[in-house]
Amino acid sequence: MESAQEAVGGYRPWSEVTPDAARRLLVAAVEAFAERGYHATTTRDIAGRAGMSPAALYIHYKTKEELLHRISRIGHDKALEILDTAASGPGTAAERLDEAVRSFVRWHAAHHTTARVVQYELDALASEHRSEIVALRRQSDAAIRRILAEGVAAGEFHVPDVPGTTLAVLSLCIDVARWFSTDGRRTPDEVGALYADLVLRMVGARPEGAAAAATAAQK
């Protein structure tokens, strides 16, 4: 169960959710949504996975959609935190982009089950909740766009289309959640290093440290 994974980057999944029964239901919902899809999952499915009765679910969550919103909000808050921390951190634009991509990819790989729900069930949210999450996604977009624009201004990057490149970078990172498997030959750290190197090549910058890390990840 993903909730049993070790913390990645200081983050332990769902530690924000209390009490324990609410957390168990949320973890069960993540697993069910990832396996069956939001629309094919029933509240009975979720309660059963959590070892609880369907009636017990409604004590903590009024609807199935409320559960999805809680999952999506926590996931997008974490994504924004990762990207904002990197964008506001020390170092050159290339170093900050390296950290942003490395950390973002590592989270999507280490928590791929959660990330699949967070990133690919957006359309199942109610309109007001969807608008809230879209606003968070725009802030994540702005964090990457800021790094790219600063890199271009400093002469570190060659990026003729900053908005388009921002979309490409985020899409590349997010897609890791779709294909990553713990049975694969690369760890989340190795995938993060590889993707950081790929993105730095994309923007015309490839610091020695990133190149060395990517080389190690491919061995």
Protein backbone atom coordinates (compact mmCIF):
# COMPACT_ATOMS: atom_id res chain seq x y z
CA MET A 1 0.00 0.00 0.00
CA GLU A 2 1.42 3.37 -0.97
CA SER A 3 0.71 4.81 2.45
CA ALA A 4 3.34 2.44 3.81
CA GLN A 5 6.09 3.85 1.60
CA GLU A 6 9.00 5.68 3.15
CA ALA A 7 8.86 9.45 3.13
CA VAL A 8 10.28 11.05 -0.01
CA GLY A 9 11.81 14.48 0.31
CA GLY A 10 10.53 14.70 3.89
CA TYR A 11 6.96 13.95 2.81
CA ARG A 12 5.01 11.05 4.32
CA PRO A 13 1.82 10.37 2.35
CA TRP A 14 -1.44 11.55 3.89
CA SER A 15 0.06 12.63 7.21
CA GLU A 16 -2.16 15.72 6.81
CA VAL A 17 -5.34 13.65 7.10
CA THR A 18 -6.86 12.94 10.51
CA PRO A 19 -8.34 11.03 12.23
CA ASP A 20 -7.02 7.59 11.32
CA ALA A 21 -10.36 6.42 9.92
CA ALA A 22 -10.48 9.36 7.51
CA ARG A 23 -6.93 8.59 6.40
CA ARG A 24 -7.73 4.91 5.83
CA LEU A 25 -10.72 5.83 3.69
CA LEU A 26 -8.69 8.30 1.67
CA VAL A 27 -5.92 5.76 1.03
CA ALA A 28 -8.55 3.20 0.01
CA ALA A 29 -10.09 5.74 -2.37
CA VAL A 30 -6.72 6.45 -3.98
CA GLU A 31 -6.16 2.75 -4.62
CA ALA A 32 -9.68 2.23 -5.97
CA PHE A 33 -9.64 5.31 -8.21
CA ALA A 34 -6.21 4.37 -9.59
CA GLU A 35 -7.27 0.78 -10.26
CA ARG A 36 -10.83 1.22 -11.51
CA GLY A 37 -11.20 4.91 -12.31
CA TYR A 38 -13.32 7.40 -10.41
CA HIS A 39 -16.61 6.73 -12.18
CA ALA A 40 -16.37 2.93 -11.89
CA THR A 41 -15.61 3.08 -8.15
CA THR A 42 -18.45 3.01 -5.62
CA THR A 43 -18.46 4.18 -2.02
CA ARG A 44 -18.99 0.54 -1.07
CA ASP A 45 -15.74 -0.34 -2.90
CA ILE A 46 -13.86 2.32 -0.93
CA ALA A 47 -15.32 1.39 2.46
CA GLY A 48 -14.63 -2.30 1.84
CA ARG A 49 -10.98 -1.64 1.04
CA ALA A 50 -10.70 0.36 4.26
CA GLY A 51 -12.32 -2.45 6.27
CA MET A 52 -15.27 -0.26 7.16
CA SER A 53 -18.99 -0.15 6.46
CA PRO A 54 -20.38 2.14 3.72
CA ALA A 55 -22.20 4.12 6.42
CA ALA A 56 -18.89 4.82 8.18
CA LEU A 57 -17.57 6.60 5.09
CA TYR A 58 -20.23 9.31 5.30
CA ILE A 59 -19.11 10.24 8.80
CA HIS A 60 -15.90 11.64 7.29
CA TYR A 61 -16.82 12.43 3.67
CA LYS A 62 -20.23 13.56 2.45
CA THR A 63 -19.72 12.25 -1.08
CA LYS A 64 -17.31 10.29 -3.25
CA GLU A 65 -16.49 13.55 -5.02
CA GLU A 66 -15.47 15.13 -1.72
CA LEU A 67 -12.93 12.34 -1.30
CA LEU A 68 -11.53 12.97 -4.78
CA HIS A 69 -11.34 16.69 -4.06
CA ARG A 70 -9.42 16.08 -0.82
CA ILE A 71 -6.97 13.80 -2.64
CA SER A 72 -6.56 16.24 -5.50
CA ARG A 73 -6.10 19.25 -3.22
CA ILE A 74 -3.41 17.58 -1.12
CA GLY A 75 -1.59 16.33 -4.22
CA HIS A 76 -1.65 19.66 -6.00
CA ASP A 77 -0.60 21.53 -2.87
CA LYS A 78 2.42 19.21 -2.64
CA ALA A 79 3.24 19.68 -6.33
CA LEU A 80 3.12 23.46 -5.95
CA GLU A 81 5.28 23.31 -2.82
CA ILE A 82 7.94 21.29 -4.66
CA LEU A 83 8.05 23.65 -7.63
CA ASP A 84 7.83 26.89 -5.64
CA THR A 85 10.63 25.75 -3.32
CA ALA A 86 12.88 25.04 -6.29
CA ALA A 87 11.95 28.25 -8.13
CA SER A 88 12.65 30.38 -5.04
CA GLY A 89 15.78 28.52 -4.00
CA PRO A 90 19.42 29.49 -4.39
CA GLY A 91 21.58 28.99 -7.44
CA THR A 92 21.44 29.69 -11.14
CA ALA A 93 18.35 29.17 -13.24
CA ALA A 94 19.85 25.92 -14.52
CA GLU A 95 20.42 24.66 -10.98
CA ARG A 96 16.91 25.60 -9.94
CA LEU A 97 15.38 23.96 -13.01
CA ASP A 98 17.42 20.84 -12.30
CA GLU A 99 16.08 20.74 -8.73
CA ALA A 100 12.50 21.45 -9.80
CA VAL A 101 12.39 18.67 -12.36
CA ARG A 102 14.36 16.21 -10.24
CA SER A 103 12.08 16.68 -7.21
CA PHE A 104 8.84 16.82 -9.19
CA VAL A 105 9.63 13.63 -11.10
CA ARG A 106 10.85 11.85 -7.98
CA TRP A 107 7.54 12.59 -6.25
CA HIS A 108 5.49 11.40 -9.23
CA ALA A 109 7.49 8.17 -9.38
CA ALA A 110 7.59 7.44 -5.65
CA HIS A 111 3.86 8.18 -5.28
CA HIS A 112 2.77 7.07 -8.75
CA THR A 113 -0.57 5.61 -7.61
CA THR A 114 -1.59 8.85 -5.90
CA ALA A 115 -0.18 10.96 -8.72
CA ARG A 116 -2.23 9.11 -11.34
CA VAL A 117 -5.41 10.02 -9.47
CA VAL A 118 -4.30 13.57 -8.77
CA GLN A 119 -3.25 14.29 -12.35
CA TYR A 120 -5.72 12.32 -14.43
CA GLU A 121 -9.09 12.52 -12.64
CA LEU A 122 -9.45 16.29 -12.80
CA ASP A 123 -12.55 16.19 -15.00
CA ALA A 124 -14.45 14.15 -12.39
CA LEU A 125 -14.41 17.05 -9.93
CA ALA A 126 -17.41 19.30 -9.43
CA SER A 127 -17.09 22.61 -11.27
CA GLU A 128 -16.17 24.70 -8.22
CA HIS A 129 -13.58 22.16 -7.09
CA ARG A 130 -12.19 21.84 -10.58
CA SER A 131 -11.75 25.63 -10.78
CA GLU A 132 -9.87 25.56 -7.46
CA ILE A 133 -7.49 22.85 -8.67
CA VAL A 134 -6.98 24.51 -12.06
CA ALA A 135 -5.87 27.65 -10.19
CA LEU A 136 -3.24 25.59 -8.33
CA ARG A 137 -2.06 24.06 -11.60
CA ARG A 138 -1.62 27.55 -13.03
CA GLN A 139 0.58 28.45 -10.07
CA SER A 140 2.71 25.36 -10.73
CA ASP A 141 2.94 26.41 -14.36
CA ALA A 142 4.02 29.88 -13.26
CA ALA A 143 6.85 28.47 -11.11
CA ILE A 144 8.43 26.65 -14.06
CA ARG A 145 7.75 29.54 -16.42
CA ARG A 146 9.53 31.87 -14.01
CA ILE A 147 12.66 29.72 -13.91
CA LEU A 148 12.73 29.47 -17.70
CA ALA A 149 12.21 33.22 -18.19
CA GLU A 150 14.97 34.02 -15.71
CA GLY A 151 17.27 31.55 -17.44
CA VAL A 152 16.60 33.15 -20.81
CA ALA A 153 17.19 36.64 -19.38
CA ALA A 154 20.49 35.49 -17.85
CA GLY A 155 21.63 33.88 -21.10
CA GLU A 156 21.60 30.38 -19.56
CA PHE A 157 18.78 28.99 -21.69
CA HIS A 158 17.86 29.16 -25.33
CA VAL A 159 14.06 28.96 -25.24
CA PRO A 160 12.21 30.77 -28.05
CA ASP A 161 8.80 29.79 -26.65
CA VAL A 162 8.71 29.92 -22.83
CA PRO A 163 4.97 29.09 -22.40
CA GLY A 164 5.20 26.15 -24.80
CA THR A 165 8.36 24.84 -23.19
CA THR A 166 6.77 25.17 -19.74
CA LEU A 167 3.91 22.95 -20.89
CA ALA A 168 6.34 20.43 -22.36
CA VAL A 169 8.41 20.26 -19.16
CA LEU A 170 5.40 19.77 -16.89
CA SER A 171 3.83 17.20 -19.23
CA LEU A 172 7.06 15.23 -19.32
CA CYS A 173 7.28 15.17 -15.53
CA ILE A 174 3.63 14.34 -14.89
CA ASP A 175 3.60 11.46 -17.37
CA VAL A 176 6.01 9.55 -15.13
CA ALA A 177 3.03 8.68 -12.91
CA ARG A 178 1.38 6.91 -15.83
CA TRP A 179 4.19 4.46 -16.62
CA PHE A 180 6.41 4.18 -13.53
CA SER A 181 6.53 0.79 -11.85
CA THR A 182 8.37 -0.32 -8.73
CA ASP A 183 9.31 -3.43 -10.72
CA GLY A 184 11.28 -1.34 -13.22
CA ARG A 185 15.04 -1.07 -13.25
CA ARG A 186 15.22 2.59 -12.21
CA THR A 187 14.47 4.09 -8.81
CA PRO A 188 12.53 7.36 -8.38
CA ASP A 189 15.85 9.15 -7.72
CA GLU A 190 17.36 7.76 -10.93
CA VAL A 191 14.34 8.74 -13.01
CA GLY A 192 14.46 12.21 -11.48
CA ALA A 193 18.13 12.60 -12.43
CA LEU A 194 17.49 11.34 -15.97
CA TYR A 195 14.58 13.70 -16.56
CA ALA A 196 16.44 16.68 -15.11
CA ASP A 197 19.20 16.05 -17.63
CA LEU A 198 16.70 15.70 -20.48
CA VAL A 199 15.01 19.00 -19.59
CA LEU A 200 18.31 20.85 -19.28
CA ARG A 201 19.24 19.59 -22.74
CA MET A 202 15.81 20.75 -23.97
CA VAL A 203 16.47 24.32 -22.86
CA GLY A 204 20.08 24.38 -24.02
CA ALA A 205 21.76 24.04 -20.61
CA ARG A 206 23.45 20.97 -19.18
CA PRO A 207 25.51 21.61 -16.02
CA GLU A 208 28.26 19.11 -15.28
CA GLY A 209 26.55 17.95 -12.09
CA ALA A 210 23.32 17.11 -13.90
CA ALA A 211 25.20 15.31 -16.66
CA ALA A 212 27.07 13.17 -14.13
CA ALA A 213 23.87 12.31 -12.30
CA ALA A 214 22.12 11.33 -15.52
CA THR A 215 25.06 9.16 -16.55
CA ALA A 216 24.94 7.35 -13.21
CA ALA A 217 21.17 6.84 -13.52
CA GLN A 218 21.57 5.11 -16.90
CA LYS A 219 24.05 2.51 -15.61
